[in-house]
Amino acid sequence: MSITIYHNPKCGTSRNVLAIIRASGGEPTIVEYLKTGWTRPQLKELFAAAGISPHDALRTFKTNAAELGLTDPEATDDTLLQAMVADPVLVNRPIVVSAKGTALCRPADKVIALLDKAPTAPVLKPDGSVIWASNP
């Protein structure tokens, strides 16, 4: 299965999603969007496919979204998209695209629905804590 992850390697959730994908036997195309940036059409397409709005995808934690007025419920989608293209960190992550759909994978286990098969063993962080484990 072809799978793409819009990834920030500094983000724990994004690293966890990547680990789950790899543990399922897949090797995704990794797009480090902080390096490549976004285009307005690309964001509109991803958000539409995921069934979310720019407001839903806005990253407010550790960003200047509030200072820019982007957290105001009256901020328009066009305003948000313009800001997200100008500063890619304003898009929450990771976004994963597969043949099964597109999703903003927060929490990390949301990615399971996009995979052909779930990992057969628990997926662990480097510290040994569990990222994902199937139910017995």
N, C-alpha and C. Protein backbone atom coordinates (compact mmCIF):
# COMPACT_ATOMS: atom_id res chain seq x y z
N MET A 1 0.85 -1.18 0.00
CA MET A 1 0.00 0.00 0.00
C MET A 1 0.88 1.23 0.00
N SER A 2 0.53 2.18 -0.81
CA SER A 2 1.21 3.46 -0.84
C SER A 2 0.69 4.33 0.31
N ILE A 3 1.60 4.89 1.07
CA ILE A 3 1.21 5.73 2.19
C ILE A 3 2.18 6.90 2.29
N THR A 4 1.65 8.06 2.58
CA THR A 4 2.45 9.27 2.71
C THR A 4 2.18 9.88 4.07
N ILE A 5 3.24 10.30 4.74
CA ILE A 5 3.10 10.99 6.01
C ILE A 5 3.72 12.38 5.87
N TYR A 6 2.95 13.39 6.21
CA TYR A 6 3.43 14.76 6.29
C TYR A 6 3.95 14.89 7.72
N HIS A 7 5.27 14.92 7.83
CA HIS A 7 5.98 14.60 9.06
C HIS A 7 6.85 15.75 9.55
N ASN A 8 6.89 15.88 10.87
CA ASN A 8 7.85 16.76 11.53
C ASN A 8 8.65 15.86 12.47
N PRO A 9 9.92 15.58 12.15
CA PRO A 9 10.70 14.66 12.97
C PRO A 9 10.91 15.13 14.40
N LYS A 10 10.67 16.40 14.69
CA LYS A 10 10.80 16.90 16.06
C LYS A 10 9.54 16.67 16.89
N CYS A 11 8.47 16.25 16.25
CA CYS A 11 7.17 16.05 16.92
C CYS A 11 7.04 14.60 17.39
N GLY A 12 6.79 14.41 18.68
CA GLY A 12 6.64 13.07 19.23
C GLY A 12 5.49 12.30 18.60
N THR A 13 4.35 12.94 18.42
CA THR A 13 3.21 12.25 17.81
C THR A 13 3.54 11.83 16.39
N SER A 14 4.20 12.69 15.66
CA SER A 14 4.57 12.37 14.28
C SER A 14 5.55 11.19 14.25
N ARG A 15 6.51 11.19 15.15
CA ARG A 15 7.45 10.05 15.23
C ARG A 15 6.71 8.76 15.60
N ASN A 16 5.74 8.87 16.50
CA ASN A 16 4.97 7.69 16.90
C ASN A 16 4.16 7.13 15.75
N VAL A 17 3.54 7.99 14.98
CA VAL A 17 2.76 7.54 13.82
C VAL A 17 3.68 6.87 12.81
N LEU A 18 4.82 7.44 12.57
CA LEU A 18 5.79 6.83 11.65
C LEU A 18 6.20 5.45 12.15
N ALA A 19 6.41 5.31 13.45
CA ALA A 19 6.78 4.01 14.02
C ALA A 19 5.67 2.98 13.82
N ILE A 20 4.42 3.39 13.99
CA ILE A 20 3.29 2.48 13.80
C ILE A 20 3.21 2.03 12.34
N ILE A 21 3.37 2.98 11.43
CA ILE A 21 3.33 2.64 10.00
C ILE A 21 4.42 1.61 9.68
N ARG A 22 5.62 1.87 10.15
CA ARG A 22 6.73 0.96 9.87
C ARG A 22 6.52 -0.40 10.52
N ALA A 23 5.96 -0.41 11.72
CA ALA A 23 5.70 -1.68 12.41
C ALA A 23 4.62 -2.50 11.71
N SER A 24 3.80 -1.85 10.91
CA SER A 24 2.77 -2.56 10.16
C SER A 24 3.34 -3.17 8.88
N GLY A 25 4.60 -2.91 8.61
CA GLY A 25 5.23 -3.46 7.41
C GLY A 25 5.34 -2.48 6.27
N GLY A 26 4.92 -1.26 6.48
CA GLY A 26 4.97 -0.27 5.42
C GLY A 26 6.17 0.66 5.55
N GLU A 27 6.60 1.18 4.43
CA GLU A 27 7.61 2.23 4.42
C GLU A 27 7.01 3.39 3.65
N PRO A 28 6.60 4.43 4.38
CA PRO A 28 5.88 5.52 3.74
C PRO A 28 6.80 6.48 2.99
N THR A 29 6.19 7.24 2.14
CA THR A 29 6.84 8.43 1.60
C THR A 29 6.76 9.47 2.71
N ILE A 30 7.89 10.03 3.07
CA ILE A 30 7.94 11.00 4.15
C ILE A 30 8.13 12.38 3.56
N VAL A 31 7.20 13.27 3.87
CA VAL A 31 7.30 14.65 3.43
C VAL A 31 7.54 15.50 4.67
N GLU A 32 8.74 16.04 4.77
CA GLU A 32 9.05 16.94 5.88
C GLU A 32 8.58 18.33 5.49
N TYR A 33 7.33 18.60 5.81
CA TYR A 33 6.67 19.81 5.32
C TYR A 33 7.28 21.10 5.85
N LEU A 34 8.01 21.05 6.95
CA LEU A 34 8.68 22.26 7.42
C LEU A 34 9.80 22.65 6.47
N LYS A 35 10.35 21.67 5.73
CA LYS A 35 11.38 21.94 4.74
C LYS A 35 10.77 22.27 3.38
N THR A 36 9.73 21.50 2.99
CA THR A 36 9.16 21.67 1.65
C THR A 36 8.11 22.77 1.59
N GLY A 37 7.49 23.06 2.72
CA GLY A 37 6.40 24.04 2.74
C GLY A 37 5.11 23.44 2.21
N TRP A 38 4.10 24.27 2.23
CA TRP A 38 2.77 23.88 1.74
C TRP A 38 2.37 24.81 0.61
N THR A 39 1.45 24.34 -0.21
CA THR A 39 0.76 25.22 -1.15
C THR A 39 -0.70 25.28 -0.72
N ARG A 40 -1.34 26.34 -1.08
CA ARG A 40 -2.76 26.50 -0.75
C ARG A 40 -3.60 25.35 -1.33
N PRO A 41 -3.43 25.01 -2.64
CA PRO A 41 -4.21 23.89 -3.19
C PRO A 41 -3.93 22.57 -2.47
N GLN A 42 -2.68 22.34 -2.12
CA GLN A 42 -2.32 21.12 -1.42
C GLN A 42 -3.05 21.03 -0.08
N LEU A 43 -3.03 22.10 0.70
CA LEU A 43 -3.71 22.10 1.99
C LEU A 43 -5.21 21.92 1.83
N LYS A 44 -5.80 22.63 0.87
CA LYS A 44 -7.24 22.50 0.65
C LYS A 44 -7.61 21.06 0.31
N GLU A 45 -6.79 20.42 -0.53
CA GLU A 45 -7.05 19.03 -0.93
C GLU A 45 -6.90 18.08 0.26
N LEU A 46 -5.83 18.25 1.03
CA LEU A 46 -5.63 17.38 2.20
C LEU A 46 -6.74 17.55 3.22
N PHE A 47 -7.12 18.78 3.52
CA PHE A 47 -8.16 19.02 4.51
C PHE A 47 -9.50 18.47 4.04
N ALA A 48 -9.81 18.66 2.75
CA ALA A 48 -11.07 18.12 2.21
C ALA A 48 -11.08 16.60 2.31
N ALA A 49 -9.96 15.98 1.94
CA ALA A 49 -9.88 14.51 1.98
C ALA A 49 -10.01 13.99 3.41
N ALA A 50 -9.49 14.75 4.37
CA ALA A 50 -9.56 14.33 5.78
C ALA A 50 -10.88 14.73 6.44
N GLY A 51 -11.67 15.53 5.74
CA GLY A 51 -12.94 15.98 6.30
C GLY A 51 -12.76 16.96 7.45
N ILE A 52 -11.72 17.79 7.35
CA ILE A 52 -11.47 18.79 8.39
C ILE A 52 -11.36 20.17 7.76
N SER A 53 -11.50 21.17 8.58
CA SER A 53 -11.38 22.55 8.13
C SER A 53 -10.00 23.09 8.51
N PRO A 54 -9.62 24.22 7.94
CA PRO A 54 -8.37 24.84 8.38
C PRO A 54 -8.36 25.11 9.90
N HIS A 55 -9.52 25.45 10.45
CA HIS A 55 -9.60 25.66 11.91
C HIS A 55 -9.27 24.37 12.65
N ASP A 56 -9.75 23.23 12.14
CA ASP A 56 -9.48 21.93 12.77
C ASP A 56 -8.00 21.58 12.69
N ALA A 57 -7.33 22.01 11.62
CA ALA A 57 -5.93 21.64 11.38
C ALA A 57 -4.94 22.66 11.95
N LEU A 58 -5.44 23.74 12.50
CA LEU A 58 -4.56 24.78 13.02
C LEU A 58 -3.82 24.31 14.27
N ARG A 59 -2.52 24.41 14.23
CA ARG A 59 -1.71 24.08 15.41
C ARG A 59 -1.61 25.33 16.26
N THR A 60 -2.09 25.24 17.48
CA THR A 60 -2.07 26.39 18.38
C THR A 60 -1.02 26.25 19.47
N PHE A 61 -0.58 25.01 19.73
CA PHE A 61 0.41 24.74 20.76
C PHE A 61 1.81 25.07 20.24
N LYS A 62 2.54 25.87 20.97
CA LYS A 62 3.91 26.26 20.61
C LYS A 62 4.00 26.92 19.24
N THR A 63 2.98 27.74 18.92
CA THR A 63 3.01 28.55 17.70
C THR A 63 2.54 29.95 18.07
N ASN A 64 2.61 30.84 17.10
CA ASN A 64 2.12 32.21 17.32
C ASN A 64 0.71 32.39 16.75
N ALA A 65 -0.04 31.31 16.65
CA ALA A 65 -1.39 31.37 16.07
C ALA A 65 -2.28 32.38 16.80
N ALA A 66 -2.24 32.38 18.12
CA ALA A 66 -3.09 33.31 18.88
C ALA A 66 -2.68 34.76 18.62
N GLU A 67 -1.38 35.02 18.64
CA GLU A 67 -0.89 36.38 18.42
C GLU A 67 -1.28 36.89 17.03
N LEU A 68 -1.37 35.98 16.07
CA LEU A 68 -1.75 36.35 14.71
C LEU A 68 -3.26 36.48 14.53
N GLY A 69 -4.02 36.17 15.59
CA GLY A 69 -5.48 36.26 15.53
C GLY A 69 -6.11 35.05 14.86
N LEU A 70 -5.35 33.99 14.66
CA LEU A 70 -5.86 32.82 13.94
C LEU A 70 -6.78 31.95 14.78
N THR A 71 -6.71 32.08 16.09
CA THR A 71 -7.58 31.29 16.95
C THR A 71 -8.95 31.93 17.13
N ASP A 72 -9.11 33.13 16.62
CA ASP A 72 -10.41 33.82 16.66
C ASP A 72 -11.40 33.03 15.81
N PRO A 73 -12.55 32.67 16.37
CA PRO A 73 -13.53 31.91 15.58
C PRO A 73 -13.96 32.64 14.30
N GLU A 74 -13.78 33.94 14.27
CA GLU A 74 -14.14 34.72 13.08
C GLU A 74 -13.05 34.71 12.00
N ALA A 75 -11.88 34.17 12.31
CA ALA A 75 -10.82 34.08 11.30
C ALA A 75 -11.32 33.20 10.15
N THR A 76 -11.15 33.68 8.95
CA THR A 76 -11.67 32.96 7.79
C THR A 76 -10.73 31.82 7.39
N ASP A 77 -11.28 30.86 6.65
CA ASP A 77 -10.46 29.77 6.12
C ASP A 77 -9.35 30.33 5.24
N ASP A 78 -9.66 31.36 4.44
CA ASP A 78 -8.64 31.95 3.58
C ASP A 78 -7.50 32.55 4.39
N THR A 79 -7.84 33.21 5.49
CA THR A 79 -6.81 33.78 6.36
C THR A 79 -5.93 32.69 6.95
N LEU A 80 -6.57 31.61 7.41
CA LEU A 80 -5.80 30.51 7.98
C LEU A 80 -4.90 29.86 6.93
N LEU A 81 -5.44 29.60 5.76
CA LEU A 81 -4.64 28.98 4.70
C LEU A 81 -3.45 29.86 4.32
N GLN A 82 -3.67 31.14 4.22
CA GLN A 82 -2.58 32.07 3.90
C GLN A 82 -1.49 32.00 4.96
N ALA A 83 -1.89 31.97 6.22
CA ALA A 83 -0.92 31.89 7.32
C ALA A 83 -0.19 30.55 7.31
N MET A 84 -0.90 29.47 7.03
CA MET A 84 -0.30 28.13 7.01
C MET A 84 0.72 27.99 5.89
N VAL A 85 0.45 28.60 4.76
CA VAL A 85 1.40 28.57 3.65
C VAL A 85 2.63 29.41 4.01
N ALA A 86 2.40 30.55 4.66
CA ALA A 86 3.51 31.42 5.05
C ALA A 86 4.36 30.80 6.16
N ASP A 87 3.73 30.07 7.07
CA ASP A 87 4.44 29.46 8.20
C ASP A 87 3.94 28.04 8.39
N PRO A 88 4.60 27.05 7.76
CA PRO A 88 4.12 25.67 7.76
C PRO A 88 3.91 25.05 9.14
N VAL A 89 4.57 25.56 10.17
CA VAL A 89 4.42 24.99 11.51
C VAL A 89 2.99 25.17 12.04
N LEU A 90 2.22 26.05 11.43
CA LEU A 90 0.84 26.30 11.87
C LEU A 90 -0.12 25.17 11.52
N VAL A 91 0.35 24.20 10.73
CA VAL A 91 -0.47 23.04 10.39
C VAL A 91 -0.17 21.93 11.39
N ASN A 92 -1.21 21.43 12.03
CA ASN A 92 -1.04 20.34 12.98
C ASN A 92 -0.60 19.09 12.23
N ARG A 93 0.07 18.22 12.93
CA ARG A 93 0.64 17.03 12.30
C ARG A 93 0.50 15.83 13.20
N PRO A 94 0.73 14.68 12.60
CA PRO A 94 1.01 14.37 11.20
C PRO A 94 -0.28 14.15 10.41
N ILE A 95 -0.21 14.46 9.15
CA ILE A 95 -1.31 14.11 8.24
C ILE A 95 -0.82 12.91 7.44
N VAL A 96 -1.67 11.89 7.37
CA VAL A 96 -1.31 10.65 6.67
C VAL A 96 -2.33 10.41 5.56
N VAL A 97 -1.80 10.01 4.40
CA VAL A 97 -2.63 9.72 3.23
C VAL A 97 -2.33 8.28 2.80
N SER A 98 -3.39 7.49 2.63
CA SER A 98 -3.24 6.12 2.12
C SER A 98 -4.44 5.84 1.21
N ALA A 99 -4.44 4.66 0.63
CA ALA A 99 -5.57 4.25 -0.22
C ALA A 99 -6.86 4.18 0.60
N LYS A 100 -6.75 4.03 1.90
CA LYS A 100 -7.92 3.94 2.77
C LYS A 100 -8.44 5.29 3.23
N GLY A 101 -7.70 6.36 2.95
CA GLY A 101 -8.18 7.68 3.34
C GLY A 101 -7.06 8.61 3.78
N THR A 102 -7.48 9.73 4.31
CA THR A 102 -6.57 10.78 4.77
C THR A 102 -7.02 11.19 6.15
N ALA A 103 -6.06 11.41 7.06
CA ALA A 103 -6.43 11.81 8.41
C ALA A 103 -5.31 12.61 9.07
N LEU A 104 -5.73 13.52 9.93
CA LEU A 104 -4.82 14.15 10.87
C LEU A 104 -4.72 13.15 12.02
N CYS A 105 -3.57 12.55 12.16
CA CYS A 105 -3.42 11.40 13.08
C CYS A 105 -2.99 11.84 14.48
N ARG A 106 -3.90 12.48 15.16
CA ARG A 106 -3.75 12.85 16.56
C ARG A 106 -5.01 12.37 17.24
N PRO A 107 -4.94 11.43 18.12
CA PRO A 107 -3.76 10.74 18.62
C PRO A 107 -3.19 9.78 17.58
N ALA A 108 -1.99 9.28 17.88
CA ALA A 108 -1.23 8.47 16.93
C ALA A 108 -1.97 7.23 16.45
N ASP A 109 -2.79 6.63 17.31
CA ASP A 109 -3.45 5.38 16.90
C ASP A 109 -4.52 5.58 15.83
N LYS A 110 -4.84 6.83 15.49
CA LYS A 110 -5.77 7.08 14.38
C LYS A 110 -5.23 6.53 13.07
N VAL A 111 -3.91 6.38 12.97
CA VAL A 111 -3.31 5.89 11.74
C VAL A 111 -3.70 4.43 11.45
N ILE A 112 -4.06 3.67 12.45
CA ILE A 112 -4.39 2.25 12.27
C ILE A 112 -5.48 2.09 11.21
N ALA A 113 -6.47 2.96 11.20
CA ALA A 113 -7.57 2.87 10.24
C ALA A 113 -7.10 3.08 8.80
N LEU A 114 -5.92 3.64 8.61
CA LEU A 114 -5.41 3.92 7.27
C LEU A 114 -4.47 2.85 6.74
N LEU A 115 -4.19 1.85 7.57
CA LEU A 115 -3.24 0.81 7.22
C LEU A 115 -3.94 -0.44 6.70
N ASP A 116 -3.24 -1.19 5.85
CA ASP A 116 -3.77 -2.48 5.38
C ASP A 116 -3.88 -3.46 6.53
N LYS A 117 -2.90 -3.42 7.43
CA LYS A 117 -2.94 -4.30 8.59
C LYS A 117 -2.29 -3.58 9.76
N ALA A 118 -2.79 -3.86 10.92
CA ALA A 118 -2.22 -3.28 12.13
C ALA A 118 -0.93 -4.03 12.48
N PRO A 119 -0.04 -3.37 13.19
CA PRO A 119 1.15 -4.09 13.66
C PRO A 119 0.74 -5.29 14.50
N THR A 120 1.51 -6.36 14.40
CA THR A 120 1.17 -7.58 15.14
C THR A 120 1.77 -7.59 16.54
N ALA A 121 2.73 -6.72 16.79
CA ALA A 121 3.36 -6.63 18.11
C ALA A 121 3.21 -5.20 18.61
N PRO A 122 3.30 -5.01 19.91
CA PRO A 122 3.24 -3.64 20.43
C PRO A 122 4.33 -2.77 19.80
N VAL A 123 4.01 -1.49 19.63
CA VAL A 123 4.96 -0.52 19.11
C VAL A 123 5.42 0.32 20.29
N LEU A 124 6.74 0.40 20.46
CA LEU A 124 7.30 1.06 21.63
C LEU A 124 8.09 2.31 21.26
N LYS A 125 8.11 3.27 22.18
CA LYS A 125 8.98 4.43 22.06
C LYS A 125 10.39 3.99 22.44
N PRO A 126 11.39 4.79 22.13
CA PRO A 126 12.76 4.45 22.52
C PRO A 126 12.92 4.21 24.04
N ASP A 127 12.07 4.87 24.84
CA ASP A 127 12.17 4.68 26.30
C ASP A 127 11.45 3.42 26.78
N GLY A 128 10.83 2.67 25.85
CA GLY A 128 10.16 1.43 26.19
C GLY A 128 8.67 1.56 26.47
N SER A 129 8.17 2.78 26.54
CA SER A 129 6.73 2.95 26.77
C SER A 129 5.96 2.61 25.49
N VAL A 130 4.74 2.17 25.66
CA VAL A 130 3.93 1.68 24.55
C VAL A 130 3.29 2.84 23.78
N ILE A 131 3.48 2.82 22.47
CA ILE A 131 2.79 3.76 21.59
C ILE A 131 1.44 3.16 21.21
N TRP A 132 1.47 1.89 20.81
CA TRP A 132 0.26 1.20 20.36
C TRP A 132 0.39 -0.28 20.64
N ALA A 133 -0.70 -0.87 21.06
CA ALA A 133 -0.77 -2.32 21.22
C ALA A 133 -2.19 -2.76 20.89
N SER A 134 -2.30 -3.87 20.17
CA SER A 134 -3.63 -4.37 19.83
C SER A 134 -4.31 -4.86 21.11
N ASN A 135 -5.63 -4.85 21.08
CA ASN A 135 -6.37 -5.36 22.22
C ASN A 135 -6.32 -6.89 22.22
N PRO A 136 -6.15 -7.48 23.39
CA PRO A 136 -6.07 -8.96 23.44
C PRO A 136 -7.37 -9.60 23.06
